[in-house]
Amino acid sequence: MKPHKNLNSWIKSFEFVKEIYLVTNQFPSDEKFGLTSQIRRASVSVPVNIAEGAARKGTKEFIHFLHISLGSLSELDTLLLLSKELNFINKKECEQLIGKLDIIGKLIYGLIKNLEDRLQ
């Protein structure tokens, strides 16, 4: 039983992680343990926390893990902007990635709203 696999927020964020790995493969090798690692960890955190929250018994716990995912999205936004400023990615690539982050964030916010409505 893996309820997270049916969630659009999990599906989109899982796909985003794969894209981030491809993008960060092009980063300078001396960033392997710096920005590359941090971006990858933050991106992985999003679907992982959605999955972990979905596996919890309580709705409040699930919502808590979804908020952690949102925090990771905010971290990623900053890290991608920094990557652009350091010329590791170009402006267009940065905008496309942040656009995908925004979509994932909206999906997570929608899921939180849906879960909160169930609690009332």
Protein backbone atom coordinates (compact mmCIF):
# COMPACT_ATOMS: atom_id res chain seq x y z
CA MET A 1 0.00 0.00 0.00
CA LYS A 2 1.68 3.18 -1.21
CA PRO A 3 -0.93 5.96 -1.21
CA HIS A 4 1.61 8.66 -2.09
CA LYS A 5 2.08 7.26 -5.59
CA ASN A 6 -1.41 8.48 -6.52
CA LEU A 7 -0.76 12.06 -5.41
CA ASN A 8 -0.01 14.58 -8.17
CA SER A 9 2.27 16.50 -5.80
CA TRP A 10 4.37 13.36 -5.26
CA ILE A 11 4.41 12.45 -8.97
CA LYS A 12 5.49 15.95 -10.07
CA SER A 13 8.08 16.32 -7.31
CA PHE A 14 9.53 12.87 -8.06
CA GLU A 15 9.94 13.84 -11.72
CA PHE A 16 11.48 17.15 -10.63
CA VAL A 17 14.15 15.31 -8.62
CA LYS A 18 15.25 13.45 -11.75
CA GLU A 19 15.47 16.73 -13.63
CA ILE A 20 17.51 18.32 -10.83
CA TYR A 21 20.00 15.45 -10.96
CA LEU A 22 20.47 15.99 -14.69
CA VAL A 23 20.89 19.75 -14.27
CA THR A 24 23.35 19.47 -11.39
CA ASN A 25 25.47 16.94 -13.30
CA GLN A 26 26.62 19.98 -15.29
CA PHE A 27 27.72 21.94 -12.21
CA PRO A 28 31.45 22.40 -11.59
CA SER A 29 33.05 19.33 -10.01
CA ASP A 30 34.31 21.40 -7.07
CA GLU A 31 30.65 22.00 -6.13
CA LYS A 32 29.99 18.26 -5.71
CA PHE A 33 29.93 18.52 -1.92
CA GLY A 34 28.58 22.08 -1.87
CA LEU A 35 25.74 23.50 -3.90
CA THR A 36 25.18 20.33 -5.94
CA SER A 37 24.71 18.22 -2.84
CA GLN A 38 22.48 20.78 -1.14
CA ILE A 39 20.21 21.19 -4.19
CA ARG A 40 19.88 17.44 -4.59
CA ARG A 41 19.08 16.87 -0.92
CA ALA A 42 16.45 19.62 -0.91
CA SER A 43 14.83 18.28 -4.08
CA VAL A 44 14.73 14.72 -2.74
CA SER A 45 13.22 15.99 0.50
CA VAL A 46 10.03 17.08 -1.26
CA PRO A 47 8.67 13.71 -2.51
CA VAL A 48 10.21 11.85 0.44
CA ASN A 49 8.29 13.96 2.96
CA ILE A 50 5.08 13.64 0.94
CA ALA A 51 5.51 9.86 0.96
CA GLU A 52 6.36 9.71 4.65
CA GLY A 53 3.41 11.92 5.56
CA ALA A 54 1.01 9.88 3.45
CA ALA A 55 2.10 6.75 5.33
CA ARG A 56 1.28 8.27 8.72
CA LYS A 57 -1.94 7.41 10.50
CA GLY A 58 -3.07 10.91 11.34
CA THR A 59 -4.09 13.70 9.01
CA LYS A 60 -2.34 16.28 11.20
CA GLU A 61 0.92 14.37 10.83
CA PHE A 62 0.48 14.26 7.06
CA ILE A 63 -0.06 18.01 6.97
CA HIS A 64 3.10 18.49 9.07
CA PHE A 65 5.18 16.55 6.52
CA LEU A 66 3.62 18.50 3.66
CA HIS A 67 4.76 21.72 5.33
CA ILE A 68 8.29 20.29 5.51
CA SER A 69 8.05 19.66 1.74
CA LEU A 70 7.04 23.29 1.24
CA GLY A 71 10.08 24.38 3.23
CA SER A 72 12.29 22.34 0.94
CA LEU A 73 10.67 24.01 -2.08
CA SER A 74 11.54 27.43 -0.64
CA GLU A 75 15.10 26.28 -0.05
CA LEU A 76 15.29 25.06 -3.65
CA ASP A 77 14.03 28.38 -4.96
CA THR A 78 16.90 30.18 -3.24
CA LEU A 79 19.48 27.59 -4.30
CA LEU A 80 18.38 27.79 -7.94
CA LEU A 81 18.57 31.59 -7.91
CA LEU A 82 22.07 31.32 -6.45
CA SER A 83 23.02 28.80 -9.13
CA LYS A 84 21.89 31.29 -11.77
CA GLU A 85 23.89 34.10 -10.16
CA LEU A 86 26.97 31.86 -10.16
CA ASN A 87 26.35 31.03 -13.86
CA PHE A 88 25.87 27.30 -13.17
CA ILE A 89 22.51 27.54 -14.96
CA ASN A 90 21.22 30.16 -17.34
CA LYS A 91 18.29 32.50 -16.76
CA LYS A 92 15.85 30.53 -18.93
CA GLU A 93 16.69 27.23 -17.24
CA CYS A 94 16.32 28.85 -13.82
CA GLU A 95 12.92 30.29 -14.72
CA GLN A 96 11.71 26.93 -16.04
CA LEU A 97 12.81 25.10 -12.90
CA ILE A 98 11.28 27.70 -10.59
CA GLY A 99 8.06 27.52 -12.63
CA LYS A 100 7.93 23.79 -11.93
CA LEU A 101 8.59 24.46 -8.25
CA ASP A 102 5.62 26.84 -8.22
CA ILE A 103 3.35 24.17 -9.72
CA ILE A 104 4.49 21.60 -7.17
CA GLY A 105 3.95 24.12 -4.38
CA LYS A 106 0.40 24.81 -5.56
CA LEU A 107 -0.31 21.08 -5.61
CA ILE A 108 1.00 20.69 -2.08
CA TYR A 109 -0.96 23.72 -0.84
CA GLY A 110 -4.09 22.27 -2.43
CA LEU A 111 -3.51 18.95 -0.71
CA ILE A 112 -3.00 20.69 2.64
CA LYS A 113 -6.24 22.64 2.16
CA ASN A 114 -8.10 19.44 1.29
CA LEU A 115 -6.75 17.67 4.37
CA GLU A 116 -7.50 20.64 6.64
CA ASP A 117 -11.09 20.72 5.34
CA ARG A 118 -11.45 17.05 6.29
CA LEU A 119 -10.39 17.86 9.84
CA GLN A 120 -13.27 20.32 10.30
